[in-house]
PDB file of N, CA and C in Angstrom:
ATOM      1  N   UNK A   1     143.240-116.945  92.792  1.00  0.00           N
ATOM      2  CA  UNK A   1     141.932-116.494  92.777  1.00  0.00           C
ATOM      3  C   UNK A   1     141.181-117.592  93.036  1.00  0.00           C
ATOM      4  N   UNK A   2     139.664-116.940  93.483  1.00  0.00           N
ATOM      5  CA  UNK A   2     138.338-118.504  94.038  1.00  0.00           C
ATOM      6  C   UNK A   2     137.932-118.567  92.624  1.00  0.00           C
ATOM      7  N   UNK A   3     136.532-119.704  93.017  1.00  0.00           N
ATOM      8  CA  UNK A   3     136.704-120.070  91.626  1.00  0.00           C
ATOM      9  C   UNK A   3     135.012-119.399  91.434  1.00  0.00           C
ATOM     10  N   UNK A   4     134.480-118.333  92.734  1.00  0.00           N
ATOM     11  CA  UNK A   4     133.620-117.024  92.516  1.00  0.00           C
ATOM     12  C   UNK A   4     133.831-116.314  91.565  1.00  0.00           C
ATOM     13  N   UNK A   5     135.069-116.150  92.363  1.00  0.00           N
ATOM     14  CA  UNK A   5     136.168-114.639  91.110  1.00  0.00           C
ATOM     15  C   UNK A   5     136.320-115.047  89.742  1.00  0.00           C
ATOM     16  N   UNK A   6     136.434-116.380  89.242  1.00  0.00           N
ATOM     17  CA  UNK A   6     136.415-117.203  88.467  1.00  0.00           C
ATOM     18  C   UNK A   6     134.826-116.896  87.441  1.00  0.00           C
ATOM     19  N   UNK A   7     134.026-117.381  88.417  1.00  0.00           N
ATOM     20  CA  UNK A   7     132.828-118.064  87.661  1.00  0.00           C
ATOM     21  C   UNK A   7     131.954-116.006  87.484  1.00  0.00           C
ATOM     22  N   UNK A   8     132.746-115.360  88.830  1.00  0.00           N
ATOM     23  CA  UNK A   8     131.754-114.174  87.985  1.00  0.00           C
ATOM     24  C   UNK A   8     132.535-113.753  87.017  1.00  0.00           C
ATOM     25  N   UNK A   9     133.948-113.850  86.745  1.00  0.00           N
ATOM     26  CA  UNK A   9     134.594-112.891  85.524  1.00  0.00           C
ATOM     27  C   UNK A   9     134.134-113.365  84.094  1.00  0.00           C
ATOM     28  N   UNK A  10     133.928-114.067  84.515  1.00  0.00           N
ATOM     29  CA  UNK A  10     133.155-115.502  82.883  1.00  0.00           C
ATOM     30  C   UNK A  10     131.324-114.768  81.913  1.00  0.00           C
ATOM     31  N   UNK A  11     131.073-114.561  83.506  1.00  0.00           N
ATOM     32  CA  UNK A  11     129.338-113.655  83.521  1.00  0.00           C
ATOM     33  C   UNK A  11     129.950-112.333  83.423  1.00  0.00           C
ATOM     34  N   UNK A  12     130.517-111.936  83.911  1.00  0.00           N
ATOM     35  CA  UNK A  12     130.724-110.412  84.247  1.00  0.00           C
ATOM     36  C   UNK A  12     130.741-109.941  82.245  1.00  0.00           C
ATOM     37  N   UNK A  13     130.249-110.307  82.280  1.00  0.00           N
ATOM     38  CA  UNK A  13     130.383-109.663  80.499  1.00  0.00           C
ATOM     39  C   UNK A  13     128.588-110.137  79.404  1.00  0.00           C
ATOM     40  N   UNK A  14     128.957-111.065  80.654  1.00  0.00           N
ATOM     41  CA  UNK A  14     126.724-111.250  79.529  1.00  0.00           C
ATOM     42  C   UNK A  14     126.363-110.768  80.846  1.00  0.00           C
ATOM     43  N   UNK A  15     126.289-110.318  82.205  1.00  0.00           N
ATOM     44  CA  UNK A  15     125.060-108.912  82.770  1.00  0.00           C
ATOM     45  C   UNK A  15     125.383-107.866  82.308  1.00  0.00           C
ATOM     46  N   UNK A  16     126.936-107.351  82.268  1.00  0.00           N
ATOM     47  CA  UNK A  16     127.062-106.142  81.690  1.00  0.00           C
ATOM     48  C   UNK A  16     126.298-105.897  79.982  1.00  0.00           C
ATOM     49  N   UNK A  17     126.587-106.610  78.569  1.00  0.00           N
ATOM     50  CA  UNK A  17     124.863-106.258  78.182  1.00  0.00           C
ATOM     51  C   UNK A  17     124.670-106.924  78.105  1.00  0.00           C
ATOM     52  N   UNK A  18     123.396-107.382  79.030  1.00  0.00           N
ATOM     53  CA  UNK A  18     122.197-107.515  79.051  1.00  0.00           C
ATOM     54  C   UNK A  18     122.119-105.731  80.342  1.00  0.00           C
ATOM     55  N   UNK A  19     122.069-105.532  80.657  1.00  0.00           N
ATOM     56  CA  UNK A  19     122.468-104.287  81.323  1.00  0.00           C
ATOM     57  C   UNK A  19     122.562-103.071  80.514  1.00  0.00           C
ATOM     58  N   UNK A  20     123.489-103.260  79.734  1.00  0.00           N
ATOM     59  CA  UNK A  20     123.954-101.744  78.011  1.00  0.00           C
ATOM     60  C   UNK A  20     123.094-101.468  77.514  1.00  0.00           C
ATOM     61  N   UNK A  21     121.895-103.108  78.010  1.00  0.00           N
ATOM     62  CA  UNK A  21     120.638-103.597  76.145  1.00  0.00           C
ATOM     63  C   UNK A  21     119.714-102.930  77.245  1.00  0.00           C
ATOM     64  N   UNK A  22     119.319-103.797  78.265  1.00  0.00           N
ATOM     65  CA  UNK A  22     118.268-102.671  79.345  1.00  0.00           C
ATOM     66  C   UNK A  22     118.050-101.328  79.167  1.00  0.00           C
ATOM     67  N   UNK A  23     119.423-100.095  79.273  1.00  0.00           N
ATOM     68  CA  UNK A  23     119.410 -99.449  80.061  1.00  0.00           C
ATOM     69  C   UNK A  23     118.617 -98.475  78.646  1.00  0.00           C
ATOM     70  N   UNK A  24     119.774 -98.807  77.372  1.00  0.00           N
ATOM     71  CA  UNK A  24     119.838 -98.652  75.882  1.00  0.00           C
ATOM     72  C   UNK A  24     118.483 -98.377  75.682  1.00  0.00           C
ATOM     73  N   UNK A  25     117.336 -99.446  75.397  1.00  0.00           N
ATOM     74  CA  UNK A  25     116.675-100.201  75.059  1.00  0.00           C
ATOM     75  C   UNK A  25     115.349 -98.440  76.064  1.00  0.00           C
ATOM     76  N   UNK A  26     115.708 -98.556  76.983  1.00  0.00           N
ATOM     77  CA  UNK A  26     114.332 -97.870  78.141  1.00  0.00           C
ATOM     78  C   UNK A  26     114.989 -96.394  77.249  1.00  0.00           C
ATOM     79  N   UNK A  27     115.990 -96.158  77.430  1.00  0.00           N
ATOM     80  CA  UNK A  27     116.457 -93.796  76.789  1.00  0.00           C
ATOM     81  C   UNK A  27     115.992 -93.762  75.514  1.00  0.00           C
ATOM     82  N   UNK A  28     116.289 -95.136  74.866  1.00  0.00           N
ATOM     83  CA  UNK A  28     115.712 -94.566  73.542  1.00  0.00           C
ATOM     84  C   UNK A  28     114.356 -94.994  72.766  1.00  0.00           C
ATOM     85  N   UNK A  29     113.890 -95.435  74.247  1.00  0.00           N
ATOM     86  CA  UNK A  29     112.338 -95.723  73.742  1.00  0.00           C
ATOM     87  C   UNK A  29     111.866 -94.545  74.049  1.00  0.00           C
ATOM     88  N   UNK A  30     111.795 -93.172  74.956  1.00  0.00           N
ATOM     89  CA  UNK A  30     111.423 -91.737  74.962  1.00  0.00           C
ATOM     90  C   UNK A  30     112.139 -90.878  74.270  1.00  0.00           C
ATOM     91  N   UNK A  31     110.795 -90.264  73.133  1.00  0.00           N
ATOM     92  CA  UNK A  31     111.176 -89.352  72.684  1.00  0.00           C
ATOM     93  C   UNK A  31     111.411 -88.144  72.879  1.00  0.00           C
ATOM     94  N   UNK A  32     110.856 -87.632  73.571  1.00  0.00           N
ATOM     95  CA  UNK A  32     110.512 -86.325  74.269  1.00  0.00           C
ATOM     96  C   UNK A  32     112.433 -86.339  74.919  1.00  0.00           C
ATOM     97  N   UNK A  33     113.244 -87.332  75.131  1.00  0.00           N
ATOM     98  CA  UNK A  33     114.116 -87.606  75.984  1.00  0.00           C
ATOM     99  C   UNK A  33     115.859 -87.872  74.631  1.00  0.00           C
ATOM    100  N   UNK A  34     114.688 -86.696  74.125  1.00  0.00           N
ATOM    101  CA  UNK A  34     115.648 -87.216  71.861  1.00  0.00           C
ATOM    102  C   UNK A  34     117.173 -86.019  72.523  1.00  0.00           C
ATOM    103  N   UNK A  35     116.933 -85.515  72.954  1.00  0.00           N
ATOM    104  CA  UNK A  35     118.020 -83.820  73.281  1.00  0.00           C
ATOM    105  C   UNK A  35     119.257 -84.328  73.663  1.00  0.00           C
ATOM    106  N   UNK A  36     119.066 -85.323  75.584  1.00  0.00           N
ATOM    107  CA  UNK A  36     119.539 -85.658  76.614  1.00  0.00           C
ATOM    108  C   UNK A  36     120.215 -86.859  75.985  1.00  0.00           C
ATOM    109  N   UNK A  37     119.533 -87.521  74.985  1.00  0.00           N
ATOM    110  CA  UNK A  37     120.708 -88.765  74.523  1.00  0.00           C
ATOM    111  C   UNK A  37     121.881 -88.634  74.653  1.00  0.00           C
ATOM    112  N   UNK A  38     122.386 -87.785  74.231  1.00  0.00           N
ATOM    113  CA  UNK A  38     124.201 -88.054  74.289  1.00  0.00           C
ATOM    114  C   UNK A  38     124.790 -88.434  75.688  1.00  0.00           C
ATOM    115  N   UNK A  39     123.863 -87.814  76.557  1.00  0.00           N
ATOM    116  CA  UNK A  39     124.622 -87.667  77.744  1.00  0.00           C
ATOM    117  C   UNK A  39     123.631 -88.717  78.509  1.00  0.00           C
ATOM    118  N   UNK A  40     122.630 -89.319  78.100  1.00  0.00           N
ATOM    119  CA  UNK A  40     122.200 -90.667  79.021  1.00  0.00           C
ATOM    120  C   UNK A  40     123.276 -91.365  78.195  1.00  0.00           C
ATOM    121  N   UNK A  41     122.882 -91.593  76.980  1.00  0.00           N
ATOM    122  CA  UNK A  41     124.086 -93.369  76.832  1.00  0.00           C
ATOM    123  C   UNK A  41     124.917 -93.590  77.292  1.00  0.00           C
ATOM    124  N   UNK A  42     126.191 -93.172  77.446  1.00  0.00           N
ATOM    125  CA  UNK A  42     127.686 -92.947  78.059  1.00  0.00           C
ATOM    126  C   UNK A  42     127.256 -92.877  79.793  1.00  0.00           C
ATOM    127  N   UNK A  43     126.121 -92.004  79.722  1.00  0.00           N
ATOM    128  CA  UNK A  43     125.256 -92.356  81.544  1.00  0.00           C
ATOM    129  C   UNK A  43     125.392 -94.003  81.492  1.00  0.00           C
ATOM    130  N   UNK A  44     124.842 -94.857  80.709  1.00  0.00           N
ATOM    131  CA  UNK A  44     124.311 -95.828  80.770  1.00  0.00           C
ATOM    132  C   UNK A  44     125.691 -96.860  81.001  1.00  0.00           C
ATOM    133  N   UNK A  45     126.214 -96.300  79.633  1.00  0.00           N
ATOM    134  CA  UNK A  45     127.650 -97.290  79.606  1.00  0.00           C
ATOM    135  C   UNK A  45     128.367 -97.501  80.851  1.00  0.00           C
ATOM    136  N   UNK A  46     127.583 -96.200  81.670  1.00  0.00           N
ATOM    137  CA  UNK A  46     129.076 -96.551  82.988  1.00  0.00           C
ATOM    138  C   UNK A  46     128.701 -97.408  83.610  1.00  0.00           C
ATOM    139  N   UNK A  47     127.259 -97.237  84.011  1.00  0.00           N
ATOM    140  CA  UNK A  47     126.089 -97.897  84.944  1.00  0.00           C
ATOM    141  C   UNK A  47     126.492 -99.269  85.245  1.00  0.00           C
ATOM    142  N   UNK A  48     126.281 -99.488  83.537  1.00  0.00           N
ATOM    143  CA  UNK A  48     125.761-100.969  83.523  1.00  0.00           C
ATOM    144  C   UNK A  48     127.549-101.703  83.985  1.00  0.00           C
ATOM    145  N   UNK A  49     128.775-100.477  83.195  1.00  0.00           N
ATOM    146  CA  UNK A  49     130.555-101.217  83.610  1.00  0.00           C
ATOM    147  C   UNK A  49     130.548-101.582  85.523  1.00  0.00           C
ATOM    148  N   UNK A  50     129.628-100.111  85.880  1.00  0.00           N
ATOM    149  CA  UNK A  50     129.789-100.591  87.692  1.00  0.00           C
ATOM    150  C   UNK A  50     129.003-101.540  87.818  1.00  0.00           C
ATOM    151  N   UNK A  51     127.666-101.365  88.000  1.00  0.00           N
ATOM    152  CA  UNK A  51     126.978-102.780  88.803  1.00  0.00           C
ATOM    153  C   UNK A  51     126.733-103.365  88.202  1.00  0.00           C
ATOM    154  N   UNK A  52     127.044-103.807  86.359  1.00  0.00           N
ATOM    155  CA  UNK A  52     127.640-105.737  85.897  1.00  0.00           C
ATOM    156  C   UNK A  52     128.422-106.610  87.216  1.00  0.00           C
ATOM    157  N   UNK A  53     130.037-105.829  88.070  1.00  0.00           N
ATOM    158  CA  UNK A  53     130.536-107.186  89.024  1.00  0.00           C
ATOM    159  C   UNK A  53     129.962-106.710  89.915  1.00  0.00           C
ATOM    160  N   UNK A  54     128.661-106.213  90.571  1.00  0.00           N
ATOM    161  CA  UNK A  54     128.184-106.724  92.183  1.00  0.00           C
ATOM    162  C   UNK A  54     126.912-108.080  91.887  1.00  0.00           C
ATOM    163  N   UNK A  55     126.552-107.117  90.755  1.00  0.00           N
ATOM    164  CA  UNK A  55     125.478-108.429  89.678  1.00  0.00           C
ATOM    165  C   UNK A  55     125.989-109.552  89.787  1.00  0.00           C
ATOM    166  N   UNK A  56     127.393-109.609  88.747  1.00  0.00           N
ATOM    167  CA  UNK A  56     127.950-111.026  88.637  1.00  0.00           C
ATOM    168  C   UNK A  56     128.503-111.576  89.864  1.00  0.00           C
ATOM    169  N   UNK A  57     129.208-111.392  91.131  1.00  0.00           N
ATOM    170  CA  UNK A  57     129.365-111.304  91.870  1.00  0.00           C
ATOM    171  C   UNK A  57     128.338-112.103  93.191  1.00  0.00           C
ATOM    172  N   UNK A  58     126.996-111.561  92.233  1.00  0.00           N
ATOM    173  CA  UNK A  58     125.760-112.273  93.910  1.00  0.00           C
ATOM    174  C   UNK A  58     125.683-113.696  93.227  1.00  0.00           C
ATOM    175  N   UNK A  59     125.613-113.781  91.744  1.00  0.00           N
ATOM    176  CA  UNK A  59     124.478-114.432  90.559  1.00  0.00           C
ATOM    177  C   UNK A  59     126.058-116.102  90.762  1.00  0.00           C
ATOM    178  N   UNK A  60     127.014-115.340  90.211  1.00  0.00           N
ATOM    179  CA  UNK A  60     128.678-116.294  90.615  1.00  0.00           C
ATOM    180  C   UNK A  60     127.843-118.061  91.560  1.00  0.00           C
ATOM    181  N   UNK A  61     128.375-117.017  93.171  1.00  0.00           N
ATOM    182  CA  UNK A  61     127.200-119.205  93.619  1.00  0.00           C
ATOM    183  C   UNK A  61     126.404-120.084  93.429  1.00  0.00           C
ATOM    184  N   UNK A  62     125.852-118.737  93.202  1.00  0.00           N
ATOM    185  CA  UNK A  62     124.512-119.869  93.102  1.00  0.00           C
ATOM    186  C   UNK A  62     124.663-121.126  91.344  1.00  0.00           C
ATOM    187  N   UNK A  63     125.367-120.099  90.375  1.00  0.00           N
ATOM    188  CA  UNK A  63     125.899-120.664  89.680  1.00  0.00           C
ATOM    189  C   UNK A  63     126.755-122.560  90.001  1.00  0.00           C
ATOM    190  N   UNK A  64     127.335-122.661  91.438  1.00  0.00           N
ATOM    191  CA  UNK A  64     128.200-123.272  91.514  1.00  0.00           C
ATOM    192  C   UNK A  64     126.890-124.195  92.761  1.00  0.00           C
ATOM    193  N   UNK A  65     126.495-123.694  93.054  1.00  0.00           N
ATOM    194  CA  UNK A  65     125.747-124.964  93.968  1.00  0.00           C
ATOM    195  C   UNK A  65     124.521-125.980  93.698  1.00  0.00           C
ATOM    196  N   UNK A  66     124.930-126.337  94.050  1.00  0.00           N
ATOM    197  CA  UNK A  66     124.419-128.037  92.790  1.00  0.00           C
ATOM    198  C   UNK A  66     122.658-128.141  93.787  1.00  0.00           C
ATOM    199  N   UNK A  67     122.855-128.252  94.808  1.00  0.00           N
ATOM    200  CA  UNK A  67     120.885-128.039  94.677  1.00  0.00           C
ATOM    201  C   UNK A  67     120.430-127.137  95.728  1.00  0.00           C
ATOM    202  N   UNK A  68     120.709-125.939  94.384  1.00  0.00           N
ATOM    203  CA  UNK A  68     120.724-124.016  95.091  1.00  0.00           C
ATOM    204  C   UNK A  68     118.650-124.037  95.174  1.00  0.00           C
ATOM    205  N   UNK A  69     117.982-125.130  94.474  1.00  0.00           N
ATOM    206  CA  UNK A  69     116.542-124.590  94.293  1.00  0.00           C
ATOM    207  C   UNK A  69     116.354-125.857  95.132  1.00  0.00           C
ATOM    208  N   UNK A  70     114.591-125.656  95.850  1.00  0.00           N
ATOM    209  CA  UNK A  70     114.757-126.707  96.610  1.00  0.00           C
ATOM    210  C   UNK A  70     113.768-127.314  96.504  1.00  0.00           C
ATOM    211  N   UNK A  71     113.909-129.203  96.367  1.00  0.00           N
ATOM    212  CA  UNK A  71     113.984-129.722  95.821  1.00  0.00           C
ATOM    213  C   UNK A  71     112.779-130.479  96.689  1.00  0.00           C
ATOM    214  N   UNK A  72     111.507-130.250  96.568  1.00  0.00           N
ATOM    215  CA  UNK A  72     111.149-130.931  97.230  1.00  0.00           C
ATOM    216  C   UNK A  72     110.316-131.654  96.769  1.00  0.00           C
ATOM    217  N   UNK A  73     110.460-131.309  95.435  1.00  0.00           N
ATOM    218  CA  UNK A  73     109.588-132.578  93.971  1.00  0.00           C
ATOM    219  C   UNK A  73     109.934-133.525  93.898  1.00  0.00           C
ATOM    220  N   UNK A  74     110.346-135.051  95.019  1.00  0.00           N
ATOM    221  CA  UNK A  74     110.587-136.107  94.883  1.00  0.00           C
ATOM    222  C   UNK A  74     109.769-136.736  95.903  1.00  0.00           C
TER     223      UNK A  74
END
């Protein structure tokens, strides 16, 4: 298993939690959607589970990079 895969697996849960939180707050903040909450919350759960994997995969190499940001401050 590569190091990028290991890092992505470690941050998958955190990315999933953030996506779920943002989606749940977005859905629950609209009172007009109260009848659809029972359908939208499971949709938010499913989307956060699916979207967290590619986002974690994109973030993982940046966590490993030693000089990722621009070092023009010297």
